[in-house]
């Protein structure tokens, strides 16, 4: 019987919090800040955010075999 492979893309994108939630990282925060106004986009520049409840079920079912979601 072959081993089940873990979904490596989900392992790289999501982390488990201490209370059991999933933490994700926001896009557009790595480079090219000269075209983005900090005053208007303070929320975007915060690096981490929580996964929404509607996406949580889909992500959990997609990556059921990950150690972080177990």
PDB file of N, CA and C in Angstrom:
ATOM      1  N   UNK A   1       0.844  -1.186   0.000  1.00  0.00           N
ATOM      2  CA  UNK A   1       0.000   0.000   0.000  1.00  0.00           C
ATOM      3  C   UNK A   1       0.888   1.248   0.000  1.00  0.00           C
ATOM      4  N   UNK A   2       0.762   2.131  -0.986  1.00  0.00           N
ATOM      5  CA  UNK A   2       1.625   3.315  -1.032  1.00  0.00           C
ATOM      6  C   UNK A   2       1.235   4.347   0.035  1.00  0.00           C
ATOM      7  N   UNK A   3       2.197   5.124   0.405  1.00  0.00           N
ATOM      8  CA  UNK A   3       1.953   6.177   1.388  1.00  0.00           C
ATOM      9  C   UNK A   3       1.165   7.299   0.728  1.00  0.00           C
ATOM     10  N   UNK A   4       0.325   7.966   1.506  1.00  0.00           N
ATOM     11  CA  UNK A   4      -0.408   9.115   0.973  1.00  0.00           C
ATOM     12  C   UNK A   4       0.513  10.329   0.997  1.00  0.00           C
ATOM     13  N   UNK A   5       0.534  11.058  -0.093  1.00  0.00           N
ATOM     14  CA  UNK A   5       1.388  12.234  -0.186  1.00  0.00           C
ATOM     15  C   UNK A   5       0.688  13.426   0.446  1.00  0.00           C
ATOM     16  N   UNK A   6       1.482  14.265   1.065  1.00  0.00           N
ATOM     17  CA  UNK A   6       0.954  15.474   1.680  1.00  0.00           C
ATOM     18  C   UNK A   6       0.880  16.574   0.638  1.00  0.00           C
ATOM     19  N   UNK A   7      -0.064  17.476   0.803  1.00  0.00           N
ATOM     20  CA  UNK A   7      -0.233  18.581  -0.130  1.00  0.00           C
ATOM     21  C   UNK A   7       0.791  19.649   0.213  1.00  0.00           C
ATOM     22  N   UNK A   8       1.912  19.650  -0.479  1.00  0.00           N
ATOM     23  CA  UNK A   8       3.033  20.510  -0.109  1.00  0.00           C
ATOM     24  C   UNK A   8       2.745  21.987  -0.330  1.00  0.00           C
ATOM     25  N   UNK A   9       1.895  22.319  -1.294  1.00  0.00           N
ATOM     26  CA  UNK A   9       1.565  23.731  -1.514  1.00  0.00           C
ATOM     27  C   UNK A   9       0.820  24.295  -0.316  1.00  0.00           C
ATOM     28  N   UNK A  10      -0.079  23.521   0.261  1.00  0.00           N
ATOM     29  CA  UNK A  10      -0.806  23.986   1.443  1.00  0.00           C
ATOM     30  C   UNK A  10       0.113  24.070   2.649  1.00  0.00           C
ATOM     31  N   UNK A  11       1.057  23.177   2.735  1.00  0.00           N
ATOM     32  CA  UNK A  11       1.996  23.210   3.857  1.00  0.00           C
ATOM     33  C   UNK A  11       2.846  24.469   3.826  1.00  0.00           C
ATOM     34  N   UNK A  12       3.129  24.975   2.638  1.00  0.00           N
ATOM     35  CA  UNK A  12       3.936  26.183   2.520  1.00  0.00           C
ATOM     36  C   UNK A  12       3.121  27.452   2.734  1.00  0.00           C
ATOM     37  N   UNK A  13       1.825  27.399   2.493  1.00  0.00           N
ATOM     38  CA  UNK A  13       1.004  28.602   2.529  1.00  0.00           C
ATOM     39  C   UNK A  13       0.251  28.823   3.827  1.00  0.00           C
ATOM     40  N   UNK A  14      -0.002  27.773   4.593  1.00  0.00           N
ATOM     41  CA  UNK A  14      -0.819  27.889   5.794  1.00  0.00           C
ATOM     42  C   UNK A  14      -0.073  27.364   6.998  1.00  0.00           C
ATOM     43  N   UNK A  15      -0.331  28.002   8.140  1.00  0.00           N
ATOM     44  CA  UNK A  15       0.244  27.569   9.403  1.00  0.00           C
ATOM     45  C   UNK A  15      -0.890  27.407  10.406  1.00  0.00           C
ATOM     46  N   UNK A  16      -0.686  26.489  11.340  1.00  0.00           N
ATOM     47  CA  UNK A  16      -1.675  26.227  12.373  1.00  0.00           C
ATOM     48  C   UNK A  16      -1.431  27.162  13.555  1.00  0.00           C
ATOM     49  N   UNK A  17      -2.498  27.759  14.099  1.00  0.00           N
ATOM     50  CA  UNK A  17      -2.359  28.605  15.274  1.00  0.00           C
ATOM     51  C   UNK A  17      -2.541  27.756  16.523  1.00  0.00           C
ATOM     52  N   UNK A  18      -2.254  28.335  17.670  1.00  0.00           N
ATOM     53  CA  UNK A  18      -2.377  27.597  18.923  1.00  0.00           C
ATOM     54  C   UNK A  18      -3.808  27.249  19.273  1.00  0.00           C
ATOM     55  N   UNK A  19      -4.761  28.084  18.841  1.00  0.00           N
ATOM     56  CA  UNK A  19      -6.167  27.832  19.157  1.00  0.00           C
ATOM     57  C   UNK A  19      -6.852  26.951  18.122  1.00  0.00           C
ATOM     58  N   UNK A  20      -6.138  26.521  17.086  1.00  0.00           N
ATOM     59  CA  UNK A  20      -6.711  25.605  16.117  1.00  0.00           C
ATOM     60  C   UNK A  20      -7.097  26.227  14.794  1.00  0.00           C
ATOM     61  N   UNK A  21      -6.900  27.523  14.621  1.00  0.00           N
ATOM     62  CA  UNK A  21      -7.237  28.172  13.364  1.00  0.00           C
ATOM     63  C   UNK A  21      -6.121  28.020  12.347  1.00  0.00           C
ATOM     64  N   UNK A  22      -6.367  28.551  11.151  1.00  0.00           N
ATOM     65  CA  UNK A  22      -5.350  28.536  10.104  1.00  0.00           C
ATOM     66  C   UNK A  22      -4.938  29.961   9.791  1.00  0.00           C
ATOM     67  N   UNK A  23      -3.639  30.192   9.742  1.00  0.00           N
ATOM     68  CA  UNK A  23      -3.094  31.505   9.444  1.00  0.00           C
ATOM     69  C   UNK A  23      -2.596  31.508   8.015  1.00  0.00           C
ATOM     70  N   UNK A  24      -2.878  32.581   7.285  1.00  0.00           N
ATOM     71  CA  UNK A  24      -2.411  32.708   5.916  1.00  0.00           C
ATOM     72  C   UNK A  24      -1.632  34.013   5.796  1.00  0.00           C
ATOM     73  N   UNK A  25      -0.921  34.157   4.680  1.00  0.00           N
ATOM     74  CA  UNK A  25      -0.155  35.364   4.437  1.00  0.00           C
ATOM     75  C   UNK A  25      -0.766  36.114   3.266  1.00  0.00           C
ATOM     76  N   UNK A  26      -0.779  37.427   3.375  1.00  0.00           N
ATOM     77  CA  UNK A  26      -1.412  38.260   2.350  1.00  0.00           C
ATOM     78  C   UNK A  26      -0.499  38.441   1.141  1.00  0.00           C
ATOM     79  N   UNK A  27      -1.126  38.708   0.002  1.00  0.00           N
ATOM     80  CA  UNK A  27      -0.380  38.937  -1.229  1.00  0.00           C
ATOM     81  C   UNK A  27       0.033  40.409  -1.336  1.00  0.00           C
ATOM     82  N   UNK A  28       0.877  40.692  -2.299  1.00  0.00           N
ATOM     83  CA  UNK A  28       1.312  42.053  -2.643  1.00  0.00           C
ATOM     84  C   UNK A  28       2.062  42.744  -1.519  1.00  0.00           C
ATOM     85  N   UNK A  29       2.829  42.016  -0.723  1.00  0.00           N
ATOM     86  CA  UNK A  29       3.544  42.648   0.382  1.00  0.00           C
ATOM     87  C   UNK A  29       5.047  42.394   0.349  1.00  0.00           C
ATOM     88  N   UNK A  30       5.581  41.929  -0.766  1.00  0.00           N
ATOM     89  CA  UNK A  30       6.992  41.577  -0.766  1.00  0.00           C
ATOM     90  C   UNK A  30       7.886  42.628  -1.422  1.00  0.00           C
ATOM     91  N   UNK A  31       7.422  43.311  -2.440  1.00  0.00           N
ATOM     92  CA  UNK A  31       8.278  44.271  -3.132  1.00  0.00           C
ATOM     93  C   UNK A  31       7.408  45.282  -3.869  1.00  0.00           C
ATOM     94  N   UNK A  32       8.062  46.250  -4.489  1.00  0.00           N
ATOM     95  CA  UNK A  32       7.418  47.321  -5.268  1.00  0.00           C
ATOM     96  C   UNK A  32       6.436  48.126  -4.431  1.00  0.00           C
ATOM     97  N   UNK A  33       6.926  48.684  -3.347  1.00  0.00           N
ATOM     98  CA  UNK A  33       6.078  49.483  -2.467  1.00  0.00           C
ATOM     99  C   UNK A  33       5.920  50.916  -2.959  1.00  0.00           C
ATOM    100  N   UNK A  34       6.690  51.315  -3.962  1.00  0.00           N
ATOM    101  CA  UNK A  34       6.630  52.705  -4.395  1.00  0.00           C
ATOM    102  C   UNK A  34       5.301  53.040  -5.080  1.00  0.00           C
ATOM    103  N   UNK A  35       4.575  52.081  -5.556  1.00  0.00           N
ATOM    104  CA  UNK A  35       3.288  52.353  -6.186  1.00  0.00           C
ATOM    105  C   UNK A  35       2.106  52.167  -5.267  1.00  0.00           C
ATOM    106  N   UNK A  36       2.365  51.814  -4.013  1.00  0.00           N
ATOM    107  CA  UNK A  36       1.292  51.553  -3.058  1.00  0.00           C
ATOM    108  C   UNK A  36       1.354  52.586  -1.949  1.00  0.00           C
ATOM    109  N   UNK A  37       0.245  53.231  -1.673  1.00  0.00           N
ATOM    110  CA  UNK A  37       0.215  54.249  -0.640  1.00  0.00           C
ATOM    111  C   UNK A  37       0.009  53.578   0.715  1.00  0.00           C
ATOM    112  N   UNK A  38       0.944  53.777   1.611  1.00  0.00           N
ATOM    113  CA  UNK A  38       0.880  53.158   2.926  1.00  0.00           C
ATOM    114  C   UNK A  38      -0.338  53.647   3.712  1.00  0.00           C
ATOM    115  N   UNK A  39      -0.691  54.901   3.517  1.00  0.00           N
ATOM    116  CA  UNK A  39      -1.806  55.486   4.258  1.00  0.00           C
ATOM    117  C   UNK A  39      -3.117  54.772   3.928  1.00  0.00           C
ATOM    118  N   UNK A  40      -3.301  54.362   2.680  1.00  0.00           N
ATOM    119  CA  UNK A  40      -4.556  53.733   2.261  1.00  0.00           C
ATOM    120  C   UNK A  40      -4.546  52.223   2.420  1.00  0.00           C
ATOM    121  N   UNK A  41      -3.371  51.621   2.507  1.00  0.00           N
ATOM    122  CA  UNK A  41      -3.275  50.167   2.481  1.00  0.00           C
ATOM    123  C   UNK A  41      -2.612  49.591   3.716  1.00  0.00           C
ATOM    124  N   UNK A  42      -2.900  50.145   4.868  1.00  0.00           N
ATOM    125  CA  UNK A  42      -2.280  49.654   6.088  1.00  0.00           C
ATOM    126  C   UNK A  42      -2.699  48.216   6.341  1.00  0.00           C
ATOM    127  N   UNK A  43      -3.926  47.861   6.033  1.00  0.00           N
ATOM    128  CA  UNK A  43      -4.419  46.504   6.262  1.00  0.00           C
ATOM    129  C   UNK A  43      -3.703  45.516   5.351  1.00  0.00           C
ATOM    130  N   UNK A  44      -3.406  45.907   4.133  1.00  0.00           N
ATOM    131  CA  UNK A  44      -2.745  45.008   3.197  1.00  0.00           C
ATOM    132  C   UNK A  44      -1.317  44.723   3.642  1.00  0.00           C
ATOM    133  N   UNK A  45      -0.643  45.703   4.232  1.00  0.00           N
ATOM    134  CA  UNK A  45       0.753  45.526   4.592  1.00  0.00           C
ATOM    135  C   UNK A  45       0.947  44.724   5.873  1.00  0.00           C
ATOM    136  N   UNK A  46      -0.124  44.394   6.562  1.00  0.00           N
ATOM    137  CA  UNK A  46      -0.003  43.472   7.688  1.00  0.00           C
ATOM    138  C   UNK A  46       0.239  42.090   7.092  1.00  0.00           C
ATOM    139  N   UNK A  47       1.292  41.420   7.522  1.00  0.00           N
ATOM    140  CA  UNK A  47       1.726  40.213   6.840  1.00  0.00           C
ATOM    141  C   UNK A  47       0.774  39.028   7.017  1.00  0.00           C
ATOM    142  N   UNK A  48       0.313  38.769   8.217  1.00  0.00           N
ATOM    143  CA  UNK A  48      -0.475  37.561   8.461  1.00  0.00           C
ATOM    144  C   UNK A  48      -1.951  37.895   8.637  1.00  0.00           C
ATOM    145  N   UNK A  49      -2.786  36.929   8.301  1.00  0.00           N
ATOM    146  CA  UNK A  49      -4.222  37.059   8.453  1.00  0.00           C
ATOM    147  C   UNK A  49      -4.794  35.667   8.680  1.00  0.00           C
ATOM    148  N   UNK A  50      -6.016  35.598   9.162  1.00  0.00           N
ATOM    149  CA  UNK A  50      -6.652  34.308   9.408  1.00  0.00           C
ATOM    150  C   UNK A  50      -7.442  33.875   8.173  1.00  0.00           C
ATOM    151  N   UNK A  51      -7.573  32.580   7.994  1.00  0.00           N
ATOM    152  CA  UNK A  51      -8.360  32.026   6.895  1.00  0.00           C
ATOM    153  C   UNK A  51      -9.832  32.211   7.227  1.00  0.00           C
ATOM    154  N   UNK A  52     -10.624  32.655   6.260  1.00  0.00           N
ATOM    155  CA  UNK A  52     -12.044  32.875   6.481  1.00  0.00           C
ATOM    156  C   UNK A  52     -12.784  31.557   6.666  1.00  0.00           C
ATOM    157  N   UNK A  53     -13.928  31.636   7.316  1.00  0.00           N
ATOM    158  CA  UNK A  53     -14.671  30.419   7.647  1.00  0.00           C
ATOM    159  C   UNK A  53     -15.150  29.674   6.404  1.00  0.00           C
ATOM    160  N   UNK A  54     -15.484  30.392   5.341  1.00  0.00           N
ATOM    161  CA  UNK A  54     -15.916  29.737   4.120  1.00  0.00           C
ATOM    162  C   UNK A  54     -14.804  28.980   3.431  1.00  0.00           C
ATOM    163  N   UNK A  55     -13.587  29.484   3.548  1.00  0.00           N
ATOM    164  CA  UNK A  55     -12.435  28.822   2.928  1.00  0.00           C
ATOM    165  C   UNK A  55     -11.833  27.744   3.823  1.00  0.00           C
ATOM    166  N   UNK A  56     -12.100  27.818   5.114  1.00  0.00           N
ATOM    167  CA  UNK A  56     -11.494  26.887   6.065  1.00  0.00           C
ATOM    168  C   UNK A  56     -11.872  25.445   5.745  1.00  0.00           C
ATOM    169  N   UNK A  57     -13.128  25.202   5.449  1.00  0.00           N
ATOM    170  CA  UNK A  57     -13.594  23.838   5.175  1.00  0.00           C
ATOM    171  C   UNK A  57     -12.940  23.293   3.901  1.00  0.00           C
ATOM    172  N   UNK A  58     -12.826  24.132   2.879  1.00  0.00           N
ATOM    173  CA  UNK A  58     -12.225  23.703   1.617  1.00  0.00           C
ATOM    174  C   UNK A  58     -10.730  23.414   1.780  1.00  0.00           C
ATOM    175  N   UNK A  59     -10.046  24.268   2.503  1.00  0.00           N
ATOM    176  CA  UNK A  59      -8.617  24.076   2.705  1.00  0.00           C
ATOM    177  C   UNK A  59      -8.361  22.841   3.559  1.00  0.00           C
ATOM    178  N   UNK A  60      -9.168  22.654   4.577  1.00  0.00           N
ATOM    179  CA  UNK A  60      -8.980  21.500   5.445  1.00  0.00           C
ATOM    180  C   UNK A  60      -9.225  20.194   4.690  1.00  0.00           C
ATOM    181  N   UNK A  61     -10.235  20.170   3.825  1.00  0.00           N
ATOM    182  CA  UNK A  61     -10.499  18.947   3.071  1.00  0.00           C
ATOM    183  C   UNK A  61      -9.443  18.720   1.994  1.00  0.00           C
ATOM    184  N   UNK A  62      -8.866  19.782   1.478  1.00  0.00           N
ATOM    185  CA  UNK A  62      -7.830  19.661   0.452  1.00  0.00           C
ATOM    186  C   UNK A  62      -6.532  19.139   1.042  1.00  0.00           C
ATOM    187  N   UNK A  63      -6.239  19.540   2.256  1.00  0.00           N
ATOM    188  CA  UNK A  63      -4.953  19.198   2.857  1.00  0.00           C
ATOM    189  C   UNK A  63      -5.164  18.388   4.126  1.00  0.00           C
ATOM    190  N   UNK A  64      -5.985  17.384   4.054  1.00  0.00           N
ATOM    191  CA  UNK A  64      -6.341  16.614   5.235  1.00  0.00           C
ATOM    192  C   UNK A  64      -5.161  15.866   5.838  1.00  0.00           C
ATOM    193  N   UNK A  65      -4.161  15.554   5.026  1.00  0.00           N
ATOM    194  CA  UNK A  65      -3.072  14.728   5.525  1.00  0.00           C
ATOM    195  C   UNK A  65      -1.881  15.532   6.027  1.00  0.00           C
ATOM    196  N   UNK A  66      -2.024  16.843   6.138  1.00  0.00           N
ATOM    197  CA  UNK A  66      -0.917  17.659   6.623  1.00  0.00           C
ATOM    198  C   UNK A  66      -0.776  17.526   8.140  1.00  0.00           C
ATOM    199  N   UNK A  67       0.429  17.684   8.611  1.00  0.00           N
ATOM    200  CA  UNK A  67       0.649  17.650  10.045  1.00  0.00           C
ATOM    201  C   UNK A  67       0.062  18.876  10.729  1.00  0.00           C
ATOM    202  N   UNK A  68       0.012  20.002   9.999  1.00  0.00           N
ATOM    203  CA  UNK A  68      -0.442  21.235  10.624  1.00  0.00           C
ATOM    204  C   UNK A  68      -1.953  21.249  10.807  1.00  0.00           C
ATOM    205  N   UNK A  69      -2.689  20.458  10.037  1.00  0.00           N
ATOM    206  CA  UNK A  69      -4.135  20.484  10.115  1.00  0.00           C
ATOM    207  C   UNK A  69      -4.676  19.307  10.922  1.00  0.00           C
ATOM    208  N   UNK A  70      -3.895  18.305  11.134  1.00  0.00           N
ATOM    209  CA  UNK A  70      -4.298  17.088  11.827  1.00  0.00           C
ATOM    210  C   UNK A  70      -5.172  17.334  12.998  1.00  0.00           C
TER     211      UNK A  70
END
